[in-house]
Amino acid sequence: MTLWLRARERGDAEAMTGFYEKDGKHSTARTFAGHAEILPMFEHSLATVDSLILLDRHLVTQGDYAFETGVVRQQGVIEGQRLQLDAEYVAVLASQEDGTWLIRHLIGGNVKMGPVASD
């Protein structure tokens, strides 16, 4: 997920999508299946979310699979209001034949959203 975060910091939606298997899934408020649906979702996210960090990350590997859990914190402007969204996530990664790991399914839930606290 660290390389995925770097791609996001560069604003590279194609690279972000490339960390998913061709038929991978990204499930939050709805499920996006395959690169053709995931790419425009990330393009929209890059246009509206100006800050994204992963907190409290845990990784478990078992054979050809890895499971990462944590909290994603995003900040952005929705309908003129600056909001912060915290959501728990589980990412299921699968080992590929070339030895790389790709996301098979990322699931986000237990969302908490509210205004960004003033400094």
C-alpha atoms as a PDB file:
ATOM      1  CA  MET A   1       0.000   0.000   0.000  1.00  0.00           C
ATOM      2  CA  THR A   2       3.006   2.300   0.408  1.00  0.00           C
ATOM      3  CA  LEU A   3       3.598   2.360  -3.372  1.00  0.00           C
ATOM      4  CA  TRP A   4      -0.122   3.003  -3.894  1.00  0.00           C
ATOM      5  CA  LEU A   5       0.133   6.017  -1.551  1.00  0.00           C
ATOM      6  CA  ARG A   6       3.095   7.356  -3.533  1.00  0.00           C
ATOM      7  CA  ALA A   7       1.083   7.065  -6.760  1.00  0.00           C
ATOM      8  CA  ARG A   8      -1.748   8.976  -5.075  1.00  0.00           C
ATOM      9  CA  GLU A   9       0.649  11.701  -3.912  1.00  0.00           C
ATOM     10  CA  ARG A  10       1.777  12.089  -7.558  1.00  0.00           C
ATOM     11  CA  GLY A  11      -1.871  12.334  -8.665  1.00  0.00           C
ATOM     12  CA  ASP A  12      -1.459   9.231 -10.872  1.00  0.00           C
ATOM     13  CA  ALA A  13      -4.852   7.509 -11.067  1.00  0.00           C
ATOM     14  CA  GLU A  14      -3.579   5.011 -13.660  1.00  0.00           C
ATOM     15  CA  ALA A  15      -0.752   3.877 -11.377  1.00  0.00           C
ATOM     16  CA  MET A  16      -3.179   3.638  -8.433  1.00  0.00           C
ATOM     17  CA  THR A  17      -5.455   1.437 -10.540  1.00  0.00           C
ATOM     18  CA  GLY A  18      -2.484  -0.667 -11.634  1.00  0.00           C
ATOM     19  CA  PHE A  19      -2.055  -1.919  -8.064  1.00  0.00           C
ATOM     20  CA  TYR A  20      -5.357  -3.815  -8.466  1.00  0.00           C
ATOM     21  CA  GLU A  21      -5.757  -7.121 -10.267  1.00  0.00           C
ATOM     22  CA  LYS A  22      -7.411  -6.622 -13.697  1.00  0.00           C
ATOM     23  CA  ASP A  23     -10.715  -7.861 -12.229  1.00  0.00           C
ATOM     24  CA  GLY A  24     -10.027  -6.479  -8.736  1.00  0.00           C
ATOM     25  CA  LYS A  25     -12.716  -4.758  -6.692  1.00  0.00           C
ATOM     26  CA  HIS A  26     -12.901  -1.580  -4.610  1.00  0.00           C
ATOM     27  CA  SER A  27     -15.942  -1.471  -2.324  1.00  0.00           C
ATOM     28  CA  THR A  28     -16.928   1.599  -0.355  1.00  0.00           C
ATOM     29  CA  ALA A  29     -20.385   3.132  -0.794  1.00  0.00           C
ATOM     30  CA  ARG A  30     -20.634   0.943  -3.915  1.00  0.00           C
ATOM     31  CA  THR A  31     -18.437  -1.686  -5.546  1.00  0.00           C
ATOM     32  CA  PHE A  32     -16.197  -0.765  -8.461  1.00  0.00           C
ATOM     33  CA  ALA A  33     -15.108  -3.883 -10.378  1.00  0.00           C
ATOM     34  CA  GLY A  34     -12.190  -4.037 -12.783  1.00  0.00           C
ATOM     35  CA  HIS A  35      -9.827  -1.349 -14.017  1.00  0.00           C
ATOM     36  CA  ALA A  36     -12.493   0.232 -16.258  1.00  0.00           C
ATOM     37  CA  GLU A  37     -14.580   1.170 -13.181  1.00  0.00           C
ATOM     38  CA  ILE A  38     -11.770   1.744 -10.676  1.00  0.00           C
ATOM     39  CA  LEU A  39      -9.810   4.252 -12.808  1.00  0.00           C
ATOM     40  CA  PRO A  40     -12.597   6.890 -13.087  1.00  0.00           C
ATOM     41  CA  MET A  41     -13.350   6.455  -9.372  1.00  0.00           C
ATOM     42  CA  PHE A  42      -9.722   7.347  -8.551  1.00  0.00           C
ATOM     43  CA  GLU A  43      -9.750  10.248 -11.044  1.00  0.00           C
ATOM     44  CA  HIS A  44     -12.775  11.661  -9.207  1.00  0.00           C
ATOM     45  CA  SER A  45     -11.143  11.046  -5.828  1.00  0.00           C
ATOM     46  CA  LEU A  46      -7.985  12.883  -6.872  1.00  0.00           C
ATOM     47  CA  ALA A  47     -10.119  15.851  -7.948  1.00  0.00           C
ATOM     48  CA  THR A  48     -12.046  16.079  -4.658  1.00  0.00           C
ATOM     49  CA  VAL A  49      -9.838  14.645  -1.891  1.00  0.00           C
ATOM     50  CA  ASP A  50      -6.790  16.776  -1.172  1.00  0.00           C
ATOM     51  CA  SER A  51      -5.414  14.757   1.745  1.00  0.00           C
ATOM     52  CA  LEU A  52      -5.347  11.002   2.357  1.00  0.00           C
ATOM     53  CA  ILE A  53      -3.381   9.103   4.990  1.00  0.00           C
ATOM     54  CA  LEU A  54      -3.514   5.543   6.295  1.00  0.00           C
ATOM     55  CA  LEU A  55      -3.517   5.061  10.068  1.00  0.00           C
ATOM     56  CA  ASP A  56      -3.216   2.067  12.395  1.00  0.00           C
ATOM     57  CA  ARG A  57      -2.115  -0.312   9.626  1.00  0.00           C
ATOM     58  CA  HIS A  58      -1.752  -4.047  10.266  1.00  0.00           C
ATOM     59  CA  LEU A  59      -0.572  -6.678   7.793  1.00  0.00           C
ATOM     60  CA  VAL A  60      -1.047 -10.447   7.970  1.00  0.00           C
ATOM     61  CA  THR A  61       0.317 -12.782   5.307  1.00  0.00           C
ATOM     62  CA  GLN A  62      -0.800 -16.345   4.729  1.00  0.00           C
ATOM     63  CA  GLY A  63       0.640 -18.166   1.743  1.00  0.00           C
ATOM     64  CA  ASP A  64      -0.334 -16.402  -1.481  1.00  0.00           C
ATOM     65  CA  TYR A  65      -2.545 -13.867   0.315  1.00  0.00           C
ATOM     66  CA  ALA A  66      -1.981 -10.802   2.475  1.00  0.00           C
ATOM     67  CA  PHE A  67      -4.574  -8.901   4.461  1.00  0.00           C
ATOM     68  CA  GLU A  68      -4.060  -5.280   5.459  1.00  0.00           C
ATOM     69  CA  THR A  69      -6.385  -3.481   7.832  1.00  0.00           C
ATOM     70  CA  GLY A  70      -6.330   0.095   8.998  1.00  0.00           C
ATOM     71  CA  VAL A  71      -8.075   3.435   8.925  1.00  0.00           C
ATOM     72  CA  VAL A  72      -8.061   5.774   5.947  1.00  0.00           C
ATOM     73  CA  ARG A  73      -8.394   9.485   6.753  1.00  0.00           C
ATOM     74  CA  GLN A  74      -9.405  11.754   3.892  1.00  0.00           C
ATOM     75  CA  GLN A  75     -10.026  15.486   3.756  1.00  0.00           C
ATOM     76  CA  GLY A  76     -11.651  17.413   0.954  1.00  0.00           C
ATOM     77  CA  VAL A  77     -14.388  19.841  -0.004  1.00  0.00           C
ATOM     78  CA  ILE A  78     -17.900  18.553  -0.662  1.00  0.00           C
ATOM     79  CA  GLU A  79     -20.632  21.038  -1.619  1.00  0.00           C
ATOM     80  CA  GLY A  80     -18.503  23.929  -0.379  1.00  0.00           C
ATOM     81  CA  GLN A  81     -17.804  22.444   3.061  1.00  0.00           C
ATOM     82  CA  ARG A  82     -14.400  21.111   4.112  1.00  0.00           C
ATOM     83  CA  LEU A  83     -14.927  17.646   5.560  1.00  0.00           C
ATOM     84  CA  GLN A  84     -12.880  14.867   7.104  1.00  0.00           C
ATOM     85  CA  LEU A  85     -13.801  11.242   6.566  1.00  0.00           C
ATOM     86  CA  ASP A  86     -12.375   8.338   8.574  1.00  0.00           C
ATOM     87  CA  ALA A  87     -13.171   4.798   7.459  1.00  0.00           C
ATOM     88  CA  GLU A  88     -11.877   1.379   8.391  1.00  0.00           C
ATOM     89  CA  TYR A  89     -10.561  -0.719   5.506  1.00  0.00           C
ATOM     90  CA  VAL A  90      -9.536  -4.273   4.718  1.00  0.00           C
ATOM     91  CA  ALA A  91      -7.388  -4.932   1.661  1.00  0.00           C
ATOM     92  CA  VAL A  92      -7.027  -8.470   0.336  1.00  0.00           C
ATOM     93  CA  LEU A  93      -3.849  -8.788  -1.728  1.00  0.00           C
ATOM     94  CA  ALA A  94      -2.857 -11.775  -3.847  1.00  0.00           C
ATOM     95  CA  SER A  95       0.624 -12.854  -4.862  1.00  0.00           C
ATOM     96  CA  GLN A  96       1.110 -12.826  -8.631  1.00  0.00           C
ATOM     97  CA  GLU A  97       3.176 -15.241 -10.730  1.00  0.00           C
ATOM     98  CA  ASP A  98       5.934 -12.618 -11.101  1.00  0.00           C
ATOM     99  CA  GLY A  99       6.242 -12.268  -7.312  1.00  0.00           C
ATOM    100  CA  THR A 100       4.426  -8.929  -7.024  1.00  0.00           C
ATOM    101  CA  TRP A 101       1.349  -8.356  -4.888  1.00  0.00           C
ATOM    102  CA  LEU A 102      -1.861  -6.815  -6.243  1.00  0.00           C
ATOM    103  CA  ILE A 103      -5.083  -5.818  -4.537  1.00  0.00           C
ATOM    104  CA  ARG A 104      -7.826  -8.357  -5.147  1.00  0.00           C
ATOM    105  CA  HIS A 105     -10.469  -6.527  -3.117  1.00  0.00           C
ATOM    106  CA  LEU A 106     -10.389  -3.424  -0.950  1.00  0.00           C
ATOM    107  CA  ILE A 107     -13.375  -2.930   1.348  1.00  0.00           C
ATOM    108  CA  GLY A 108     -14.071   0.244   3.328  1.00  0.00           C
ATOM    109  CA  GLY A 109     -16.732   0.769   5.982  1.00  0.00           C
ATOM    110  CA  ASN A 110     -17.660   2.154   9.406  1.00  0.00           C
ATOM    111  CA  VAL A 111     -17.397   5.681   8.013  1.00  0.00           C
ATOM    112  CA  LYS A 112     -17.284   8.709  10.292  1.00  0.00           C
ATOM    113  CA  MET A 113     -17.574  12.092   8.596  1.00  0.00           C
ATOM    114  CA  GLY A 114     -17.611  15.628   9.911  1.00  0.00           C
ATOM    115  CA  PRO A 115     -16.193  19.099   9.467  1.00  0.00           C
ATOM    116  CA  VAL A 116     -12.425  19.494   9.661  1.00  0.00           C
ATOM    117  CA  ALA A 117     -11.472  20.936  13.041  1.00  0.00           C
ATOM    118  CA  SER A 118     -10.046  24.477  12.878  1.00  0.00           C
ATOM    119  CA  ASP A 119      -6.476  24.968  14.060  1.00  0.00           C
END
